[in-house]
């Protein structure tokens, strides 16, 4: 692979990863059956977040990972 092709591919992959991080995770508080139906309709996976007040890693993730 020559150098210009490598740079073009590198730029493409970096730009795609930058735009993929904009939205983040959007949590919902719906009925479980509604969540399953919506996930199937949008062809998405279901992410379940378990959280407690006394869990230090949970608090850290709440601040840093799920802004």
PDB file of N, CA and C in Angstrom:
ATOM      1  N   UNK A   1       0.859  -1.179   0.000  1.00  0.00           N
ATOM      2  CA  UNK A   1       0.000   0.000   0.000  1.00  0.00           C
ATOM      3  C   UNK A   1       0.901   1.236   0.000  1.00  0.00           C
ATOM      4  N   UNK A   2       0.584   2.171  -0.859  1.00  0.00           N
ATOM      5  CA  UNK A   2       1.407   3.372  -0.919  1.00  0.00           C
ATOM      6  C   UNK A   2       0.959   4.393   0.149  1.00  0.00           C
ATOM      7  N   UNK A   3       1.797   5.349   0.376  1.00  0.00           N
ATOM      8  CA  UNK A   3       1.602   6.317   1.453  1.00  0.00           C
ATOM      9  C   UNK A   3       0.325   7.161   1.304  1.00  0.00           C
ATOM     10  N   UNK A   4       0.003   7.737   0.145  1.00  0.00           N
ATOM     11  CA  UNK A   4      -1.232   8.533   0.028  1.00  0.00           C
ATOM     12  C   UNK A   4      -2.495   7.706   0.289  1.00  0.00           C
ATOM     13  N   UNK A   5      -2.521   6.466  -0.178  1.00  0.00           N
ATOM     14  CA  UNK A   5      -3.686   5.605   0.068  1.00  0.00           C
ATOM     15  C   UNK A   5      -3.828   5.335   1.553  1.00  0.00           C
ATOM     16  N   UNK A   6      -2.706   5.092   2.224  1.00  0.00           N
ATOM     17  CA  UNK A   6      -2.722   4.857   3.658  1.00  0.00           C
ATOM     18  C   UNK A   6      -3.272   6.071   4.402  1.00  0.00           C
ATOM     19  N   UNK A   7      -2.853   7.260   4.030  1.00  0.00           N
ATOM     20  CA  UNK A   7      -3.333   8.473   4.689  1.00  0.00           C
ATOM     21  C   UNK A   7      -4.829   8.676   4.474  1.00  0.00           C
ATOM     22  N   UNK A   8      -5.305   8.406   3.284  1.00  0.00           N
ATOM     23  CA  UNK A   8      -6.731   8.553   2.997  1.00  0.00           C
ATOM     24  C   UNK A   8      -7.546   7.575   3.841  1.00  0.00           C
ATOM     25  N   UNK A   9      -7.100   6.330   3.913  1.00  0.00           N
ATOM     26  CA  UNK A   9      -7.810   5.337   4.726  1.00  0.00           C
ATOM     27  C   UNK A   9      -7.767   5.699   6.207  1.00  0.00           C
ATOM     28  N   UNK A  10      -6.620   6.147   6.681  1.00  0.00           N
ATOM     29  CA  UNK A  10      -6.482   6.548   8.077  1.00  0.00           C
ATOM     30  C   UNK A  10      -7.424   7.705   8.405  1.00  0.00           C
ATOM     31  N   UNK A  11      -7.457   8.708   7.565  1.00  0.00           N
ATOM     32  CA  UNK A  11      -8.341   9.860   7.775  1.00  0.00           C
ATOM     33  C   UNK A  11      -9.808   9.437   7.778  1.00  0.00           C
ATOM     34  N   UNK A  12     -10.178   8.537   6.881  1.00  0.00           N
ATOM     35  CA  UNK A  12     -11.565   8.066   6.797  1.00  0.00           C
ATOM     36  C   UNK A  12     -11.976   7.353   8.077  1.00  0.00           C
ATOM     37  N   UNK A  13     -11.144   6.439   8.557  1.00  0.00           N
ATOM     38  CA  UNK A  13     -11.487   5.702   9.773  1.00  0.00           C
ATOM     39  C   UNK A  13     -11.521   6.611  10.998  1.00  0.00           C
ATOM     40  N   UNK A  14     -10.614   7.554  11.086  1.00  0.00           N
ATOM     41  CA  UNK A  14     -10.609   8.469  12.227  1.00  0.00           C
ATOM     42  C   UNK A  14     -11.825   9.383  12.211  1.00  0.00           C
ATOM     43  N   UNK A  15     -12.202   9.860  11.056  1.00  0.00           N
ATOM     44  CA  UNK A  15     -13.352  10.763  10.985  1.00  0.00           C
ATOM     45  C   UNK A  15     -14.646  10.021  11.305  1.00  0.00           C
ATOM     46  N   UNK A  16     -14.762   8.769  10.912  1.00  0.00           N
ATOM     47  CA  UNK A  16     -15.958   7.999  11.235  1.00  0.00           C
ATOM     48  C   UNK A  16     -16.064   7.749  12.727  1.00  0.00           C
ATOM     49  N   UNK A  17     -14.958   7.465  13.378  1.00  0.00           N
ATOM     50  CA  UNK A  17     -15.009   7.210  14.814  1.00  0.00           C
ATOM     51  C   UNK A  17     -15.310   8.474  15.602  1.00  0.00           C
ATOM     52  N   UNK A  18     -14.891   9.621  15.111  1.00  0.00           N
ATOM     53  CA  UNK A  18     -15.177  10.887  15.792  1.00  0.00           C
ATOM     54  C   UNK A  18     -16.674  11.179  15.747  1.00  0.00           C
ATOM     55  N   UNK A  19     -17.312  10.986  14.613  1.00  0.00           N
ATOM     56  CA  UNK A  19     -18.736  11.271  14.487  1.00  0.00           C
ATOM     57  C   UNK A  19     -19.586  10.235  15.212  1.00  0.00           C
ATOM     58  N   UNK A  20     -19.094   9.045  15.389  1.00  0.00           N
ATOM     59  CA  UNK A  20     -19.862   7.998  16.060  1.00  0.00           C
ATOM     60  C   UNK A  20     -20.011   8.282  17.550  1.00  0.00           C
ATOM     61  N   UNK A  21     -19.152   9.098  18.125  1.00  0.00           N
ATOM     62  CA  UNK A  21     -19.175   9.352  19.557  1.00  0.00           C
ATOM     63  C   UNK A  21     -20.044  10.541  19.960  1.00  0.00           C
ATOM     64  N   UNK A  22     -20.644  11.228  19.017  1.00  0.00           N
ATOM     65  CA  UNK A  22     -21.389  12.445  19.341  1.00  0.00           C
ATOM     66  C   UNK A  22     -22.634  12.189  20.178  1.00  0.00           C
ATOM     67  N   UNK A  23     -23.441  11.226  19.800  1.00  0.00           N
ATOM     68  CA  UNK A  23     -24.730  11.044  20.442  1.00  0.00           C
ATOM     69  C   UNK A  23     -24.628  10.450  21.836  1.00  0.00           C
ATOM     70  N   UNK A  24     -23.826   9.451  22.032  1.00  0.00           N
ATOM     71  CA  UNK A  24     -23.736   8.796  23.319  1.00  0.00           C
ATOM     72  C   UNK A  24     -24.911   7.859  23.534  1.00  0.00           C
ATOM     73  N   UNK A  25     -25.106   7.460  24.766  1.00  0.00           N
ATOM     74  CA  UNK A  25     -26.181   6.535  25.109  1.00  0.00           C
ATOM     75  C   UNK A  25     -27.394   7.330  25.559  1.00  0.00           C
ATOM     76  N   UNK A  26     -28.540   6.980  25.009  1.00  0.00           N
ATOM     77  CA  UNK A  26     -29.788   7.622  25.409  1.00  0.00           C
ATOM     78  C   UNK A  26     -30.595   6.609  26.209  1.00  0.00           C
ATOM     79  N   UNK A  27     -30.707   6.848  27.510  1.00  0.00           N
ATOM     80  CA  UNK A  27     -31.441   5.941  28.382  1.00  0.00           C
ATOM     81  C   UNK A  27     -32.931   6.205  28.290  1.00  0.00           C
ATOM     82  N   UNK A  28     -33.721   5.173  28.555  1.00  0.00           N
ATOM     83  CA  UNK A  28     -35.167   5.296  28.543  1.00  0.00           C
ATOM     84  C   UNK A  28     -35.733   4.623  29.788  1.00  0.00           C
ATOM     85  N   UNK A  29     -36.891   5.045  30.214  1.00  0.00           N
ATOM     86  CA  UNK A  29     -37.544   4.472  31.386  1.00  0.00           C
ATOM     87  C   UNK A  29     -38.917   3.945  30.983  1.00  0.00           C
ATOM     88  N   UNK A  30     -38.940   3.126  29.938  1.00  0.00           N
ATOM     89  CA  UNK A  30     -40.189   2.585  29.428  1.00  0.00           C
ATOM     90  C   UNK A  30     -40.467   1.213  30.028  1.00  0.00           C
ATOM     91  N   UNK A  31     -41.650   0.721  29.749  1.00  0.00           N
ATOM     92  CA  UNK A  31     -42.040  -0.631  30.091  1.00  0.00           C
ATOM     93  C   UNK A  31     -41.134  -1.605  29.336  1.00  0.00           C
ATOM     94  N   UNK A  32     -40.786  -2.761  29.956  1.00  0.00           N
ATOM     95  CA  UNK A  32     -39.867  -3.707  29.338  1.00  0.00           C
ATOM     96  C   UNK A  32     -40.366  -4.186  27.979  1.00  0.00           C
ATOM     97  N   UNK A  33     -41.654  -4.457  27.861  1.00  0.00           N
ATOM     98  CA  UNK A  33     -42.206  -4.906  26.580  1.00  0.00           C
ATOM     99  C   UNK A  33     -42.067  -3.829  25.503  1.00  0.00           C
ATOM    100  N   UNK A  34     -42.249  -2.574  25.879  1.00  0.00           N
ATOM    101  CA  UNK A  34     -42.077  -1.478  24.928  1.00  0.00           C
ATOM    102  C   UNK A  34     -40.619  -1.369  24.470  1.00  0.00           C
ATOM    103  N   UNK A  35     -39.687  -1.602  25.392  1.00  0.00           N
ATOM    104  CA  UNK A  35     -38.262  -1.547  25.055  1.00  0.00           C
ATOM    105  C   UNK A  35     -37.912  -2.636  24.047  1.00  0.00           C
ATOM    106  N   UNK A  36     -38.417  -3.842  24.270  1.00  0.00           N
ATOM    107  CA  UNK A  36     -38.143  -4.954  23.352  1.00  0.00           C
ATOM    108  C   UNK A  36     -38.702  -4.658  21.958  1.00  0.00           C
ATOM    109  N   UNK A  37     -39.913  -4.135  21.904  1.00  0.00           N
ATOM    110  CA  UNK A  37     -40.537  -3.811  20.617  1.00  0.00           C
ATOM    111  C   UNK A  37     -39.755  -2.721  19.896  1.00  0.00           C
ATOM    112  N   UNK A  38     -39.378  -1.671  20.631  1.00  0.00           N
ATOM    113  CA  UNK A  38     -38.633  -0.563  20.023  1.00  0.00           C
ATOM    114  C   UNK A  38     -37.262  -1.025  19.533  1.00  0.00           C
ATOM    115  N   UNK A  39     -36.568  -1.852  20.314  1.00  0.00           N
ATOM    116  CA  UNK A  39     -35.248  -2.347  19.903  1.00  0.00           C
ATOM    117  C   UNK A  39     -35.352  -3.208  18.648  1.00  0.00           C
ATOM    118  N   UNK A  40     -36.387  -4.028  18.564  1.00  0.00           N
ATOM    119  CA  UNK A  40     -36.570  -4.867  17.376  1.00  0.00           C
ATOM    120  C   UNK A  40     -36.891  -4.008  16.157  1.00  0.00           C
ATOM    121  N   UNK A  41     -37.710  -2.978  16.363  1.00  0.00           N
ATOM    122  CA  UNK A  41     -38.099  -2.104  15.257  1.00  0.00           C
ATOM    123  C   UNK A  41     -36.901  -1.319  14.716  1.00  0.00           C
ATOM    124  N   UNK A  42     -36.022  -0.852  15.613  1.00  0.00           N
ATOM    125  CA  UNK A  42     -34.872  -0.044  15.212  1.00  0.00           C
ATOM    126  C   UNK A  42     -33.612  -0.885  14.980  1.00  0.00           C
ATOM    127  N   UNK A  43     -33.714  -2.196  15.124  1.00  0.00           N
ATOM    128  CA  UNK A  43     -32.595  -3.124  14.948  1.00  0.00           C
ATOM    129  C   UNK A  43     -31.415  -2.723  15.838  1.00  0.00           C
ATOM    130  N   UNK A  44     -31.698  -2.533  17.136  1.00  0.00           N
ATOM    131  CA  UNK A  44     -30.683  -2.146  18.109  1.00  0.00           C
ATOM    132  C   UNK A  44     -30.638  -3.165  19.242  1.00  0.00           C
ATOM    133  N   UNK A  45     -29.510  -3.165  19.950  1.00  0.00           N
ATOM    134  CA  UNK A  45     -29.390  -4.031  21.110  1.00  0.00           C
ATOM    135  C   UNK A  45     -29.925  -3.304  22.344  1.00  0.00           C
ATOM    136  N   UNK A  46     -30.201  -4.052  23.398  1.00  0.00           N
ATOM    137  CA  UNK A  46     -30.699  -3.469  24.647  1.00  0.00           C
ATOM    138  C   UNK A  46     -29.548  -3.423  25.632  1.00  0.00           C
ATOM    139  N   UNK A  47     -29.293  -2.251  26.187  1.00  0.00           N
ATOM    140  CA  UNK A  47     -28.242  -2.036  27.170  1.00  0.00           C
ATOM    141  C   UNK A  47     -28.903  -1.793  28.513  1.00  0.00           C
ATOM    142  N   UNK A  48     -28.565  -2.603  29.503  1.00  0.00           N
ATOM    143  CA  UNK A  48     -29.158  -2.464  30.832  1.00  0.00           C
ATOM    144  C   UNK A  48     -28.095  -1.925  31.775  1.00  0.00           C
ATOM    145  N   UNK A  49     -28.411  -0.850  32.467  1.00  0.00           N
ATOM    146  CA  UNK A  49     -27.494  -0.234  33.414  1.00  0.00           C
ATOM    147  C   UNK A  49     -27.982  -0.531  34.824  1.00  0.00           C
ATOM    148  N   UNK A  50     -27.160  -1.218  35.598  1.00  0.00           N
ATOM    149  CA  UNK A  50     -27.473  -1.492  37.006  1.00  0.00           C
ATOM    150  C   UNK A  50     -26.622  -0.550  37.853  1.00  0.00           C
ATOM    151  N   UNK A  51     -27.251   0.129  38.799  1.00  0.00           N
ATOM    152  CA  UNK A  51     -26.571   1.172  39.559  1.00  0.00           C
ATOM    153  C   UNK A  51     -27.014   1.116  41.017  1.00  0.00           C
ATOM    154  N   UNK A  52     -26.065   1.331  41.926  1.00  0.00           N
ATOM    155  CA  UNK A  52     -26.401   1.470  43.346  1.00  0.00           C
ATOM    156  C   UNK A  52     -25.703   2.711  43.890  1.00  0.00           C
ATOM    157  N   UNK A  53     -26.217   3.255  44.978  1.00  0.00           N
ATOM    158  CA  UNK A  53     -25.641   4.459  45.577  1.00  0.00           C
ATOM    159  C   UNK A  53     -24.292   4.201  46.249  1.00  0.00           C
ATOM    160  N   UNK A  54     -24.067   2.970  46.710  1.00  0.00           N
ATOM    161  CA  UNK A  54     -22.850   2.670  47.456  1.00  0.00           C
ATOM    162  C   UNK A  54     -21.712   2.154  46.587  1.00  0.00           C
ATOM    163  N   UNK A  55     -21.937   1.940  45.300  1.00  0.00           N
ATOM    164  CA  UNK A  55     -20.941   1.349  44.402  1.00  0.00           C
ATOM    165  C   UNK A  55     -20.045   2.441  43.821  1.00  0.00           C
ATOM    166  N   UNK A  56     -18.768   2.445  44.205  1.00  0.00           N
ATOM    167  CA  UNK A  56     -17.837   3.469  43.716  1.00  0.00           C
ATOM    168  C   UNK A  56     -17.578   3.354  42.204  1.00  0.00           C
ATOM    169  N   UNK A  57     -17.370   2.150  41.648  1.00  0.00           N
ATOM    170  CA  UNK A  57     -17.209   2.070  40.189  1.00  0.00           C
ATOM    171  C   UNK A  57     -18.457   2.553  39.437  1.00  0.00           C
ATOM    172  N   UNK A  58     -19.656   2.316  40.017  1.00  0.00           N
ATOM    173  CA  UNK A  58     -20.889   2.800  39.385  1.00  0.00           C
ATOM    174  C   UNK A  58     -20.905   4.327  39.336  1.00  0.00           C
ATOM    175  N   UNK A  59     -20.503   4.946  40.428  1.00  0.00           N
ATOM    176  CA  UNK A  59     -20.481   6.409  40.478  1.00  0.00           C
ATOM    177  C   UNK A  59     -19.463   6.976  39.487  1.00  0.00           C
ATOM    178  N   UNK A  60     -18.311   6.309  39.373  1.00  0.00           N
ATOM    179  CA  UNK A  60     -17.280   6.773  38.442  1.00  0.00           C
ATOM    180  C   UNK A  60     -17.770   6.658  36.997  1.00  0.00           C
ATOM    181  N   UNK A  61     -18.394   5.519  36.678  1.00  0.00           N
ATOM    182  CA  UNK A  61     -18.911   5.344  35.325  1.00  0.00           C
ATOM    183  C   UNK A  61     -20.026   6.339  35.025  1.00  0.00           C
ATOM    184  N   UNK A  62     -20.841   6.643  36.028  1.00  0.00           N
ATOM    185  CA  UNK A  62     -21.932   7.598  35.843  1.00  0.00           C
ATOM    186  C   UNK A  62     -21.393   8.977  35.466  1.00  0.00           C
ATOM    187  N   UNK A  63     -20.266   9.347  36.035  1.00  0.00           N
ATOM    188  CA  UNK A  63     -19.672  10.659  35.746  1.00  0.00           C
ATOM    189  C   UNK A  63     -18.848  10.671  34.462  1.00  0.00           C
ATOM    190  N   UNK A  64     -18.098   9.594  34.205  1.00  0.00           N
ATOM    191  CA  UNK A  64     -17.142   9.613  33.102  1.00  0.00           C
ATOM    192  C   UNK A  64     -17.633   8.939  31.828  1.00  0.00           C
ATOM    193  N   UNK A  65     -18.385   7.852  31.959  1.00  0.00           N
ATOM    194  CA  UNK A  65     -18.771   7.087  30.783  1.00  0.00           C
ATOM    195  C   UNK A  65     -20.145   7.509  30.267  1.00  0.00           C
ATOM    196  N   UNK A  66     -21.078   7.776  31.183  1.00  0.00           N
ATOM    197  CA  UNK A  66     -22.446   8.125  30.803  1.00  0.00           C
ATOM    198  C   UNK A  66     -22.745   9.590  31.123  1.00  0.00           C
ATOM    199  N   UNK A  67     -22.096  10.524  30.427  1.00  0.00           N
ATOM    200  CA  UNK A  67     -22.326  11.941  30.751  1.00  0.00           C
ATOM    201  C   UNK A  67     -23.717  12.395  30.353  1.00  0.00           C
TER     202      UNK A  67
END
